[in-house]
Protein backbone atom coordinates (compact mmCIF):
# COMPACT_ATOMS: atom_id res chain seq x y z
CA UNK A 1 -24.26 254.43 49.76
CA UNK A 2 -25.62 254.29 53.60
CA UNK A 3 -26.28 250.43 54.74
CA UNK A 4 -30.20 250.43 55.46
CA UNK A 5 -31.36 248.60 58.73
CA UNK A 6 -34.27 246.31 59.43
CA UNK A 7 -35.17 245.73 62.50
CA UNK A 8 -38.37 243.55 63.34
CA UNK A 9 -40.54 243.52 66.57
CA UNK A 10 -41.16 240.05 68.07
CA UNK A 11 -43.95 238.47 70.33
CA UNK A 12 -41.92 237.27 73.31
CA UNK A 13 -43.04 233.82 72.68
CA UNK A 14 -40.58 233.77 69.44
CA UNK A 15 -37.70 231.45 69.48
CA UNK A 16 -34.59 233.65 69.59
CA UNK A 17 -32.66 234.51 65.86
CA UNK A 18 -28.94 234.58 65.44
CA UNK A 19 -28.16 237.78 67.39
CA UNK A 20 -30.79 238.49 69.54
CA UNK A 21 -31.78 241.75 71.41
CA UNK A 22 -33.29 242.12 74.86
CA UNK A 23 -33.76 245.45 76.85
CA UNK A 24 -33.07 245.95 81.07
CA UNK A 25 -34.23 249.02 83.09
CA UNK A 26 -32.05 250.93 84.80
CA UNK A 27 -32.57 249.32 89.07
CA UNK A 28 -30.65 250.01 92.87
CA UNK A 29 -27.01 249.20 91.03
CA UNK A 30 -28.10 246.13 89.01
CA UNK A 31 -30.22 245.59 85.55
CA UNK A 32 -33.77 245.30 85.62
CA UNK A 33 -34.65 242.24 83.42
CA UNK A 34 -37.76 241.56 81.53
CA UNK A 35 -39.05 237.81 81.52
CA UNK A 36 -37.70 237.04 77.74
CA UNK A 37 -34.02 238.05 79.57
CA UNK A 38 -34.77 236.46 82.52
CA UNK A 39 -35.55 232.89 80.65
CA UNK A 40 -32.98 234.16 79.01
CA UNK A 41 -30.43 233.79 82.10
CA UNK A 42 -31.86 230.73 83.65
CA UNK A 43 -31.40 228.82 80.53
CA UNK A 44 -27.82 229.96 80.11
CA UNK A 45 -26.96 229.40 83.93
CA UNK A 46 -26.83 233.14 84.78
CA UNK A 47 -24.55 234.20 81.77
CA UNK A 48 -26.36 237.29 81.65
CA UNK A 49 -25.47 238.15 84.80
CA UNK A 50 -22.20 237.35 84.96
CA UNK A 51 -21.89 239.23 81.80
CA UNK A 52 -23.58 242.21 83.51
CA UNK A 53 -21.75 242.03 86.96
CA UNK A 54 -18.24 241.65 84.43
CA UNK A 55 -19.36 244.84 82.53
CA UNK A 56 -20.60 247.00 85.15
CA UNK A 57 -23.70 247.18 83.45
CA UNK A 58 -26.75 247.80 85.39
CA UNK A 59 -29.88 249.08 82.70
CA UNK A 60 -28.90 253.14 82.24
CA UNK A 61 -29.73 254.58 79.05
CA UNK A 62 -27.38 254.06 76.46
CA UNK A 63 -25.33 251.74 77.99
CA UNK A 64 -25.42 248.29 76.66
CA UNK A 65 -23.21 245.01 76.57
CA UNK A 66 -22.51 241.64 73.77
CA UNK A 67 -22.25 238.47 74.94
CA UNK A 68 -20.68 236.29 72.47
CA UNK A 69 -21.83 233.10 71.77
CA UNK A 70 -23.42 232.53 75.24
CA UNK A 71 -23.48 229.10 77.16
CA UNK A 72 -26.43 226.66 76.50
CA UNK A 73 -28.57 229.37 74.55
CA UNK A 74 -29.35 228.72 70.58
CA UNK A 75 -27.66 232.40 69.75
CA UNK A 76 -24.09 233.70 68.61
CA UNK A 77 -24.85 237.13 69.75
CA UNK A 78 -26.90 238.35 72.22
CA UNK A 79 -26.99 242.43 73.08
CA UNK A 80 -28.02 244.20 75.74
CA UNK A 81 -29.71 247.32 75.48
CA UNK A 82 -30.35 249.29 78.65
CA UNK A 83 -33.26 251.62 78.63
CA UNK A 84 -33.38 253.39 81.60
CA UNK A 85 -35.35 254.45 84.58
């Protein structure tokens, strides 16, 4: 029996859950962070940017990175999905 997947969307002002997902668009060699991703990167003292650099992640479509227990964030997993250009 297949498991069902429950996806919900929340306003940008919503407090992140235990597992949170943010999108990034492909930039000129770096990911294009949205408002929430920028705030999470700042709160984590650059953990998002560091993880992206370590994984050569630039936000291409169908690409993703996962940060486990990022420092200074109240999430256990932060998934960044590439949304393309």
